[in-house]
C-alpha atoms as a PDB file:
ATOM      1  CA  MET A   1     110.382  73.811 114.535  1.00  0.00           C
ATOM      2  CA  VAL A   2     110.832  74.210 110.681  1.00  0.00           C
ATOM      3  CA  SER A   3     109.596  73.279 107.385  1.00  0.00           C
ATOM      4  CA  VAL A   4     111.694  72.736 104.438  1.00  0.00           C
ATOM      5  CA  ILE A   5     109.856  73.131 101.147  1.00  0.00           C
ATOM      6  CA  ILE A   6     111.653  71.822  97.933  1.00  0.00           C
ATOM      7  CA  PRO A   7     109.794  72.110  94.771  1.00  0.00           C
ATOM      8  CA  ALA A   8     111.077  69.565  91.953  1.00  0.00           C
ATOM      9  CA  TYR A   9     110.210  68.573  88.307  1.00  0.00           C
ATOM     10  CA  ASN A  10     112.216  65.654  86.731  1.00  0.00           C
ATOM     11  CA  GLU A  11     115.015  66.218  89.399  1.00  0.00           C
ATOM     12  CA  SER A  12     115.809  62.210  90.196  1.00  0.00           C
ATOM     13  CA  ASN A  13     119.240  62.955  89.765  1.00  0.00           C
ATOM     14  CA  ALA A  14     119.624  65.362  92.752  1.00  0.00           C
ATOM     15  CA  ILE A  15     116.482  65.284  94.764  1.00  0.00           C
ATOM     16  CA  GLY A  16     117.435  62.193  97.353  1.00  0.00           C
ATOM     17  CA  LEU A  17     121.216  64.103  97.410  1.00  0.00           C
ATOM     18  CA  THR A  18     119.374  67.324  98.583  1.00  0.00           C
ATOM     19  CA  VAL A  19     116.622  65.706 100.693  1.00  0.00           C
ATOM     20  CA  LYS A  20     119.493  64.022 102.612  1.00  0.00           C
ATOM     21  CA  SER A  21     121.638  66.889 102.832  1.00  0.00           C
ATOM     22  CA  VAL A  22     118.822  69.177 104.156  1.00  0.00           C
ATOM     23  CA  LYS A  23     118.020  66.442 106.914  1.00  0.00           C
ATOM     24  CA  GLN A  24     121.347  66.046 107.857  1.00  0.00           C
ATOM     25  CA  VAL A  25     122.238  69.476 108.310  1.00  0.00           C
ATOM     26  CA  LEU A  26     119.072  70.246 110.652  1.00  0.00           C
ATOM     27  CA  VAL A  27     119.862  67.158 112.761  1.00  0.00           C
ATOM     28  CA  ASN A  28     123.589  68.120 113.228  1.00  0.00           C
ATOM     29  CA  ALA A  29     122.018  71.837 114.330  1.00  0.00           C
ATOM     30  CA  ASN A  30     119.619  70.365 116.639  1.00  0.00           C
ATOM     31  CA  TYR A  31     116.622  70.998 114.977  1.00  0.00           C
ATOM     32  CA  GLU A  32     114.328  68.516 116.712  1.00  0.00           C
ATOM     33  CA  GLY A  33     111.102  69.474 114.872  1.00  0.00           C
ATOM     34  CA  PHE A  34     111.118  69.804 111.359  1.00  0.00           C
ATOM     35  CA  GLU A  35     109.614  68.469 107.993  1.00  0.00           C
ATOM     36  CA  ILE A  36     110.847  68.021 104.770  1.00  0.00           C
ATOM     37  CA  ILE A  37     108.661  68.515 101.956  1.00  0.00           C
ATOM     38  CA  VAL A  38     109.018  67.829  98.339  1.00  0.00           C
ATOM     39  CA  VAL A  39     106.272  68.877  95.948  1.00  0.00           C
ATOM     40  CA  ASP A  40     106.590  66.998  92.933  1.00  0.00           C
ATOM     41  CA  ASP A  41     105.307  69.137  90.115  1.00  0.00           C
ATOM     42  CA  GLY A  42     104.044  66.553  87.482  1.00  0.00           C
ATOM     43  CA  SER A  43     107.429  64.985  87.171  1.00  0.00           C
ATOM     44  CA  SER A  44     107.795  62.223  84.593  1.00  0.00           C
ATOM     45  CA  ASP A  45     110.841  60.634  86.168  1.00  0.00           C
ATOM     46  CA  ASP A  46     111.020  59.005  89.352  1.00  0.00           C
ATOM     47  CA  THR A  47     111.910  62.088  91.328  1.00  0.00           C
ATOM     48  CA  ALA A  48     108.760  61.327  93.612  1.00  0.00           C
ATOM     49  CA  ASP A  49     110.053  57.886  94.610  1.00  0.00           C
ATOM     50  CA  LYS A  50     113.718  59.110  95.241  1.00  0.00           C
ATOM     51  CA  ALA A  51     112.431  61.761  97.452  1.00  0.00           C
ATOM     52  CA  ARG A  52     110.311  59.490  99.710  1.00  0.00           C
ATOM     53  CA  GLU A  53     113.133  57.057  99.643  1.00  0.00           C
ATOM     54  CA  ALA A  54     115.574  60.226 100.984  1.00  0.00           C
ATOM     55  CA  GLY A  55     112.751  60.643 103.946  1.00  0.00           C
ATOM     56  CA  ALA A  56     110.645  63.478 102.634  1.00  0.00           C
ATOM     57  CA  CYS A  57     106.929  63.964 102.795  1.00  0.00           C
ATOM     58  CA  VAL A  58     106.207  64.091  99.016  1.00  0.00           C
ATOM     59  CA  ILE A  59     102.978  66.173  97.488  1.00  0.00           C
ATOM     60  CA  GLN A  60     102.513  65.122  93.857  1.00  0.00           C
ATOM     61  CA  HIS A  61     100.448  67.714  91.282  1.00  0.00           C
ATOM     62  CA  PRO A  62      98.861  65.413  88.430  1.00  0.00           C
ATOM     63  CA  HIS A  63     100.816  67.719  85.902  1.00  0.00           C
ATOM     64  CA  ASN A  64     103.579  70.280  85.625  1.00  0.00           C
ATOM     65  CA  ILE A  65     101.950  73.782  86.494  1.00  0.00           C
ATOM     66  CA  GLY A  66     104.967  75.702  87.694  1.00  0.00           C
ATOM     67  CA  TYR A  67     107.769  76.478  90.537  1.00  0.00           C
ATOM     68  CA  GLY A  68     105.884  78.718  92.077  1.00  0.00           C
ATOM     69  CA  ARG A  69     102.442  76.871  92.315  1.00  0.00           C
ATOM     70  CA  ALA A  70     104.815  74.136  93.912  1.00  0.00           C
ATOM     71  CA  LEU A  71     105.865  76.417  96.634  1.00  0.00           C
ATOM     72  CA  LYS A  72     102.414  77.732  97.548  1.00  0.00           C
ATOM     73  CA  THR A  73     101.378  74.008  97.781  1.00  0.00           C
ATOM     74  CA  GLY A  74     104.193  73.126 100.085  1.00  0.00           C
ATOM     75  CA  ILE A  75     103.645  76.449 102.200  1.00  0.00           C
ATOM     76  CA  ILE A  76     100.097  75.809 102.563  1.00  0.00           C
ATOM     77  CA  GLU A  77     100.694  72.193 103.650  1.00  0.00           C
ATOM     78  CA  SER A  78     103.516  72.848 105.978  1.00  0.00           C
ATOM     79  CA  LYS A  79     102.915  72.275 109.587  1.00  0.00           C
ATOM     80  CA  PHE A  80     105.336  74.452 111.122  1.00  0.00           C
ATOM     81  CA  ASP A  81     105.243  78.828 110.951  1.00  0.00           C
ATOM     82  CA  THR A  82     108.883  78.774 109.984  1.00  0.00           C
ATOM     83  CA  VAL A  83     109.218  77.912 106.493  1.00  0.00           C
ATOM     84  CA  VAL A  84     112.465  77.604 104.392  1.00  0.00           C
ATOM     85  CA  ILE A  85     112.385  76.842 100.724  1.00  0.00           C
ATOM     86  CA  THR A  86     115.480  75.799  98.654  1.00  0.00           C
ATOM     87  CA  ASP A  87     115.812  74.286  95.091  1.00  0.00           C
ATOM     88  CA  SER A  88     116.240  70.361  94.497  1.00  0.00           C
ATOM     89  CA  ASP A  89     119.169  70.758  91.810  1.00  0.00           C
ATOM     90  CA  GLY A  90     122.203  71.146  94.270  1.00  0.00           C
ATOM     91  CA  THR A  91     123.057  74.771  93.383  1.00  0.00           C
ATOM     92  CA  TYR A  92     122.225  76.235  96.901  1.00  0.00           C
ATOM     93  CA  PRO A  93     124.436  75.771  99.820  1.00  0.00           C
ATOM     94  CA  ILE A  94     122.285  73.492 102.125  1.00  0.00           C
ATOM     95  CA  ASP A  95     124.686  74.205 105.143  1.00  0.00           C
ATOM     96  CA  GLN A  96     124.144  77.753 105.240  1.00  0.00           C
ATOM     97  CA  ILE A  97     120.210  76.891 106.213  1.00  0.00           C
ATOM     98  CA  PRO A  98     121.045  77.299 109.994  1.00  0.00           C
ATOM     99  CA  LEU A  99     122.643  80.554 109.346  1.00  0.00           C
ATOM    100  CA  LEU A 100     119.790  81.676 107.937  1.00  0.00           C
ATOM    101  CA  LEU A 101     117.444  80.485 110.515  1.00  0.00           C
ATOM    102  CA  GLN A 102     119.621  82.209 113.111  1.00  0.00           C
ATOM    103  CA  LEU A 103     119.633  85.642 111.484  1.00  0.00           C
ATOM    104  CA  TYR A 104     115.747  85.133 111.037  1.00  0.00           C
ATOM    105  CA  THR A 105     115.269  85.259 114.827  1.00  0.00           C
ATOM    106  CA  LYS A 106     116.568  88.817 114.758  1.00  0.00           C
ATOM    107  CA  GLY A 107     113.188  90.437 113.667  1.00  0.00           C
ATOM    108  CA  PHE A 108     113.332  90.069 109.965  1.00  0.00           C
ATOM    109  CA  ASP A 109     110.304  89.056 107.976  1.00  0.00           C
ATOM    110  CA  MET A 110     112.442  87.080 105.363  1.00  0.00           C
ATOM    111  CA  ILE A 111     115.851  86.133 104.938  1.00  0.00           C
ATOM    112  CA  VAL A 112     117.191  85.542 101.492  1.00  0.00           C
ATOM    113  CA  GLY A 113     120.528  84.033 100.538  1.00  0.00           C
ATOM    114  CA  ALA A 114     122.238  86.359  97.978  1.00  0.00           C
ATOM    115  CA  ARG A 115     124.090  84.219  95.454  1.00  0.00           C
ATOM    116  CA  SER A 116     127.589  84.890  94.271  1.00  0.00           C
ATOM    117  CA  GLY A 117     130.183  83.250  91.887  1.00  0.00           C
ATOM    118  CA  ASN A 118     130.674  81.997  88.128  1.00  0.00           C
ATOM    119  CA  HIS A 119     127.687  79.862  88.124  1.00  0.00           C
ATOM    120  CA  TYR A 120     125.328  82.602  89.239  1.00  0.00           C
ATOM    121  CA  LYS A 121     126.376  84.950  86.480  1.00  0.00           C
ATOM    122  CA  GLY A 122     125.628  82.261  83.942  1.00  0.00           C
ATOM    123  CA  SER A 123     125.895  83.175  80.210  1.00  0.00           C
ATOM    124  CA  ALA A 124     126.473  86.387  78.365  1.00  0.00           C
ATOM    125  CA  ILE A 125     122.929  86.954  77.750  1.00  0.00           C
ATOM    126  CA  LYS A 126     121.562  85.737  81.132  1.00  0.00           C
ATOM    127  CA  TRP A 127     123.699  88.276  83.399  1.00  0.00           C
ATOM    128  CA  PRO A 128     122.562  91.246  81.527  1.00  0.00           C
ATOM    129  CA  MET A 129     118.874  90.297  81.311  1.00  0.00           C
ATOM    130  CA  ARG A 130     119.141  89.577  85.379  1.00  0.00           C
ATOM    131  CA  LEU A 131     120.583  93.094  85.957  1.00  0.00           C
ATOM    132  CA  LEU A 132     118.297  94.616  83.926  1.00  0.00           C
ATOM    133  CA  LEU A 133     115.350  93.120  85.741  1.00  0.00           C
ATOM    134  CA  ARG A 134     117.296  93.679  89.362  1.00  0.00           C
ATOM    135  CA  PHE A 135     117.388  97.261  88.365  1.00  0.00           C
ATOM    136  CA  LEU A 136     113.706  97.334  87.767  1.00  0.00           C
ATOM    137  CA  VAL A 137     113.133  95.834  90.490  1.00  0.00           C
ATOM    138  CA  GLU A 138     115.060  98.207  92.868  1.00  0.00           C
ATOM    139  CA  TRP A 139     113.517 101.095  91.137  1.00  0.00           C
ATOM    140  CA  THR A 140     110.160  99.605  92.151  1.00  0.00           C
ATOM    141  CA  ALA A 141     110.915  98.896  95.804  1.00  0.00           C
ATOM    142  CA  GLY A 142     113.435 101.880  96.233  1.00  0.00           C
ATOM    143  CA  ARG A 143     116.048 100.016  97.923  1.00  0.00           C
ATOM    144  CA  SER A 144     119.130  97.960  96.755  1.00  0.00           C
ATOM    145  CA  ILE A 145     118.576  94.337  96.604  1.00  0.00           C
ATOM    146  CA  PRO A 146     121.420  92.181  96.221  1.00  0.00           C
ATOM    147  CA  ASP A 147     119.677  89.231  94.716  1.00  0.00           C
ATOM    148  CA  ILE A 148     115.793  89.623  93.711  1.00  0.00           C
ATOM    149  CA  ASN A 149     114.788  86.125  92.782  1.00  0.00           C
ATOM    150  CA  SER A 150     117.209  83.921  94.886  1.00  0.00           C
ATOM    151  CA  GLY A 151     115.475  80.155  95.613  1.00  0.00           C
ATOM    152  CA  LEU A 152     117.012  80.002  99.196  1.00  0.00           C
ATOM    153  CA  ARG A 153     114.688  81.896 101.812  1.00  0.00           C
ATOM    154  CA  VAL A 154     113.443  81.759 105.354  1.00  0.00           C
ATOM    155  CA  PHE A 155     110.169  83.599 106.227  1.00  0.00           C
ATOM    156  CA  SER A 156     106.857  82.963 108.226  1.00  0.00           C
ATOM    157  CA  LYS A 157     104.055  81.057 106.885  1.00  0.00           C
ATOM    158  CA  LYS A 158     101.707  83.473 108.787  1.00  0.00           C
ATOM    159  CA  THR A 159     102.999  86.486 107.067  1.00  0.00           C
ATOM    160  CA  ILE A 160     103.137  84.899 103.668  1.00  0.00           C
ATOM    161  CA  ILE A 161      99.979  83.409 103.215  1.00  0.00           C
ATOM    162  CA  SER A 162      97.948  86.555 102.529  1.00  0.00           C
ATOM    163  CA  PHE A 163     100.458  87.244  99.516  1.00  0.00           C
ATOM    164  CA  LEU A 164      99.741  84.041  98.021  1.00  0.00           C
ATOM    165  CA  PRO A 165      97.179  85.272  95.389  1.00  0.00           C
ATOM    166  CA  HIS A 166      99.146  87.982  94.088  1.00  0.00           C
ATOM    167  CA  LEU A 167     102.252  85.660  93.507  1.00  0.00           C
ATOM    168  CA  CYS A 168     103.411  84.120  90.595  1.00  0.00           C
ATOM    169  CA  ASP A 169     102.813  80.419  89.772  1.00  0.00           C
ATOM    170  CA  THR A 170     105.961  80.055  87.524  1.00  0.00           C
ATOM    171  CA  PHE A 171     109.703  80.998  87.932  1.00  0.00           C
ATOM    172  CA  SER A 172     108.941  84.404  89.077  1.00  0.00           C
ATOM    173  CA  PHE A 173     107.444  83.454  92.139  1.00  0.00           C
ATOM    174  CA  THR A 174     110.367  84.732  94.523  1.00  0.00           C
ATOM    175  CA  THR A 175     110.914  87.909  92.421  1.00  0.00           C
ATOM    176  CA  SER A 176     107.136  88.922  92.993  1.00  0.00           C
ATOM    177  CA  MET A 177     107.492  87.699  96.772  1.00  0.00           C
ATOM    178  CA  THR A 178     110.647  90.182  97.408  1.00  0.00           C
ATOM    179  CA  LEU A 179     108.257  93.065  95.844  1.00  0.00           C
ATOM    180  CA  ALA A 180     105.462  91.949  97.921  1.00  0.00           C
ATOM    181  CA  TYR A 181     107.334  91.985 101.267  1.00  0.00           C
ATOM    182  CA  MET A 182     109.283  95.275 100.324  1.00  0.00           C
ATOM    183  CA  MET A 183     106.222  97.464  99.283  1.00  0.00           C
ATOM    184  CA  THR A 184     104.217  96.501 102.206  1.00  0.00           C
ATOM    185  CA  GLY A 185     106.997  97.622 104.491  1.00  0.00           C
ATOM    186  CA  ARG A 186     108.344  94.248 105.658  1.00  0.00           C
ATOM    187  CA  PHE A 187     111.952  93.786 106.994  1.00  0.00           C
ATOM    188  CA  VAL A 188     114.000  91.743 104.420  1.00  0.00           C
ATOM    189  CA  GLY A 189     117.687  90.728 105.422  1.00  0.00           C
ATOM    190  CA  TYR A 190     120.220  89.254 103.052  1.00  0.00           C
ATOM    191  CA  GLN A 191     123.296  86.885 103.496  1.00  0.00           C
ATOM    192  CA  ASN A 192     125.882  86.234 100.884  1.00  0.00           C
ATOM    193  CA  ILE A 193     126.032  82.634  99.951  1.00  0.00           C
ATOM    194  CA  SER A 194     127.836  80.646  97.128  1.00  0.00           C
ATOM    195  CA  TYR A 195     126.125  79.296  94.221  1.00  0.00           C
ATOM    196  CA  GLU A 196     127.012  76.065  92.441  1.00  0.00           C
ATOM    197  CA  GLU A 197     126.561  74.142  89.150  1.00  0.00           C
ATOM    198  CA  ARG A 198     123.021  72.528  88.996  1.00  0.00           C
ATOM    199  CA  ILE A 199     122.805  68.974  88.743  1.00  0.00           C
ATOM    200  CA  GLY A 200     120.891  68.108  85.635  1.00  0.00           C
ATOM    201  CA  LYS A 201     119.224  70.331  83.146  1.00  0.00           C
ATOM    202  CA  SER A 202     117.959  73.989  83.861  1.00  0.00           C
ATOM    203  CA  HIS A 203     114.049  74.340  83.225  1.00  0.00           C
ATOM    204  CA  VAL A 204     114.088  78.031  82.893  1.00  0.00           C
ATOM    205  CA  LYS A 205     113.295  79.519  79.552  1.00  0.00           C
ATOM    206  CA  LEU A 206     115.283  82.955  79.414  1.00  0.00           C
ATOM    207  CA  TRP A 207     113.206  84.864  77.035  1.00  0.00           C
ATOM    208  CA  SER A 208     109.784  83.911  78.111  1.00  0.00           C
ATOM    209  CA  ASP A 209     110.344  83.673  82.053  1.00  0.00           C
ATOM    210  CA  SER A 210     112.157  87.445  81.636  1.00  0.00           C
ATOM    211  CA  PHE A 211     108.890  88.635  80.224  1.00  0.00           C
ATOM    212  CA  LYS A 212     107.108  87.043  82.650  1.00  0.00           C
ATOM    213  CA  THR A 213     108.994  88.315  85.563  1.00  0.00           C
ATOM    214  CA  LEU A 214     108.892  91.901  83.792  1.00  0.00           C
ATOM    215  CA  GLN A 215     104.955  91.229  83.572  1.00  0.00           C
ATOM    216  CA  PHE A 216     104.761  90.484  87.395  1.00  0.00           C
ATOM    217  CA  ILE A 217     107.184  93.544  88.323  1.00  0.00           C
ATOM    218  CA  ILE A 218     104.463  95.793  86.461  1.00  0.00           C
ATOM    219  CA  GLN A 219     101.679  94.078  87.922  1.00  0.00           C
ATOM    220  CA  ALA A 220     103.161  94.350  91.470  1.00  0.00           C
ATOM    221  CA  ILE A 221     103.631  98.064  90.892  1.00  0.00           C
ATOM    222  CA  ALA A 222      99.921  98.491  89.642  1.00  0.00           C
ATOM    223  CA  TYR A 223      98.980  96.681  92.831  1.00  0.00           C
ATOM    224  CA  TYR A 224     101.374  98.086  95.440  1.00  0.00           C
ATOM    225  CA  ASN A 225     102.275 101.368  94.475  1.00  0.00           C
ATOM    226  CA  PRO A 226     100.392 102.689  91.390  1.00  0.00           C
ATOM    227  CA  LEU A 227     101.741 106.030  91.302  1.00  0.00           C
ATOM    228  CA  LYS A 228     105.068 105.146  90.659  1.00  0.00           C
ATOM    229  CA  LEU A 229     103.877 103.271  87.306  1.00  0.00           C
ATOM    230  CA  PHE A 230     101.984 106.169  85.987  1.00  0.00           C
ATOM    231  CA  MET A 231     105.128 108.643  87.159  1.00  0.00           C
ATOM    232  CA  LEU A 232     107.350 106.457  84.936  1.00  0.00           C
ATOM    233  CA  LEU A 233     104.875 106.851  82.129  1.00  0.00           C
ATOM    234  CA  SER A 234     104.470 110.598  82.643  1.00  0.00           C
ATOM    235  CA  MET A 235     108.376 111.139  82.750  1.00  0.00           C
ATOM    236  CA  PHE A 236     108.359 109.277  79.525  1.00  0.00           C
ATOM    237  CA  CYS A 237     106.000 111.347  77.797  1.00  0.00           C
ATOM    238  CA  PHE A 238     107.755 114.609  79.425  1.00  0.00           C
ATOM    239  CA  PHE A 239     110.988 113.378  77.457  1.00  0.00           C
ATOM    240  CA  ILE A 240     109.168 113.150  74.392  1.00  0.00           C
ATOM    241  CA  ALA A 241     107.508 116.475  74.762  1.00  0.00           C
ATOM    242  CA  LEU A 242     111.333 117.876  75.267  1.00  0.00           C
ATOM    243  CA  ILE A 243     112.829 116.404  72.096  1.00  0.00           C
ATOM    244  CA  SER A 244     109.669 117.248  70.039  1.00  0.00           C
ATOM    245  CA  VAL A 245     110.101 120.989  71.083  1.00  0.00           C
ATOM    246  CA  THR A 246     113.999 121.070  70.863  1.00  0.00           C
ATOM    247  CA  ILE A 247     113.443 119.561  67.340  1.00  0.00           C
ATOM    248  CA  GLY A 248     110.880 122.054  66.661  1.00  0.00           C
ATOM    249  CA  VAL A 249     113.108 124.983  67.620  1.00  0.00           C
ATOM    250  CA  LEU A 250     116.300 124.090  66.021  1.00  0.00           C
ATOM    251  CA  PHE A 251     114.772 123.101  62.713  1.00  0.00           C
ATOM    252  CA  ASN A 252     111.791 125.558  62.675  1.00  0.00           C
ATOM    253  CA  ILE A 253     109.438 122.663  62.150  1.00  0.00           C
ATOM    254  CA  ALA A 254     105.663 123.405  63.616  1.00  0.00           C
ATOM    255  CA  THR A 255     104.653 120.062  63.912  1.00  0.00           C
ATOM    256  CA  GLY A 256     107.574 119.396  66.725  1.00  0.00           C
ATOM    257  CA  PHE A 257     105.869 122.293  68.730  1.00  0.00           C
ATOM    258  CA  VAL A 258     102.408 120.512  68.102  1.00  0.00           C
ATOM    259  CA  MET A 259     103.835 117.075  69.099  1.00  0.00           C
ATOM    260  CA  GLY A 260     105.502 118.515  72.094  1.00  0.00           C
ATOM    261  CA  VAL A 261     102.209 120.259  73.441  1.00  0.00           C
ATOM    262  CA  ALA A 262     100.511 116.970  72.877  1.00  0.00           C
ATOM    263  CA  ALA A 263     103.274 115.216  74.984  1.00  0.00           C
ATOM    264  CA  ILE A 264     103.153 117.542  78.085  1.00  0.00           C
ATOM    265  CA  VAL A 265      99.353 117.363  78.104  1.00  0.00           C
ATOM    266  CA  SER A 266      99.519 113.709  77.932  1.00  0.00           C
ATOM    267  CA  SER A 267     102.413 113.759  80.668  1.00  0.00           C
ATOM    268  CA  ILE A 268      99.844 115.874  82.885  1.00  0.00           C
ATOM    269  CA  ILE A 269      97.052 113.333  82.271  1.00  0.00           C
ATOM    270  CA  ILE A 270      98.744 110.507  83.118  1.00  0.00           C
ATOM    271  CA  PHE A 271     100.293 111.886  86.162  1.00  0.00           C
ATOM    272  CA  SER A 272      96.804 113.079  87.303  1.00  0.00           C
ATOM    273  CA  ILE A 273      95.339 109.574  86.728  1.00  0.00           C
ATOM    274  CA  GLY A 274      98.401 107.958  88.794  1.00  0.00           C
ATOM    275  CA  LEU A 275      97.163 110.392  91.618  1.00  0.00           C
ATOM    276  CA  LEU A 276      93.744 109.086  91.485  1.00  0.00           C
ATOM    277  CA  ALA A 277      95.039 105.294  91.061  1.00  0.00           C
ATOM    278  CA  GLU A 278      96.752 106.105  94.348  1.00  0.00           C
ATOM    279  CA  ILE A 279      94.054 107.503  96.219  1.00  0.00           C
ATOM    280  CA  LEU A 280      91.765 104.443  94.943  1.00  0.00           C
ATOM    281  CA  ARG A 281      94.516 102.026  96.347  1.00  0.00           C
ATOM    282  CA  GLN A 282      94.647 103.801  99.590  1.00  0.00           C
ATOM    283  CA  ILE A 283      90.874 103.963 100.114  1.00  0.00           C
ATOM    284  CA  LEU A 284      90.539 100.190  99.172  1.00  0.00           C
ATOM    285  CA  SER A 285      93.384  99.189 101.528  1.00  0.00           C
ATOM    286  CA  LYS A 286      91.614 100.500 104.452  1.00  0.00           C
END
């Protein structure tokens, strides 16, 4: 039994086709017990009506509040423990859902569709930004992550429900979800999928949403592994110390030595605070 949750905001051109595709794929795969929930996040068009006509259960927010909040609403209201999330814009291959569900039964806590293709890379600005955020998340989680924010996923409602208060309400929901699972030792698997051109106009704001994602990465580190954040700051101070001392030696500048000593002391203090933060986290988690 499966609950498929589709967040939607002004997606009247695509939502009907998406719902029908999900329904047909699950019927063909012989899933007798399933539900399709469309969470209309305050759309100003007829997204909700199109979703109902296609056979989905529709939940409506009174105004637009965010992609992540829509998913949270759908997860809370879902009837079944196995949850699939996908987007409403036609970018994800709906026919791959049965494969992801099959992989999920092999002991994973979450299966993620790892996107590929020209439409996934996007613009010359978007792709480097995605690579930077991916590097930060991989450094935080300590493992390779093929796709940090894919919107096609399978997971357990029972598992994610405790994470929901700490997950992002906007487009960074899936990124914060990835970090939450990995930094608490959950098993996360990836399956390569194609990523197609979306139907309609994207609602993602490149710079603001990227900065929000960075914010939640930092929050995730502070919440799940604070020592790693303080280690990064400590290493930065130590790097400044090396530069200052080098300049002081090469050019016989006393200020360089003073700055170097101050940076080394700062590095030690920051690292010590990180140790205390980690001890406090362990105490509070018991």
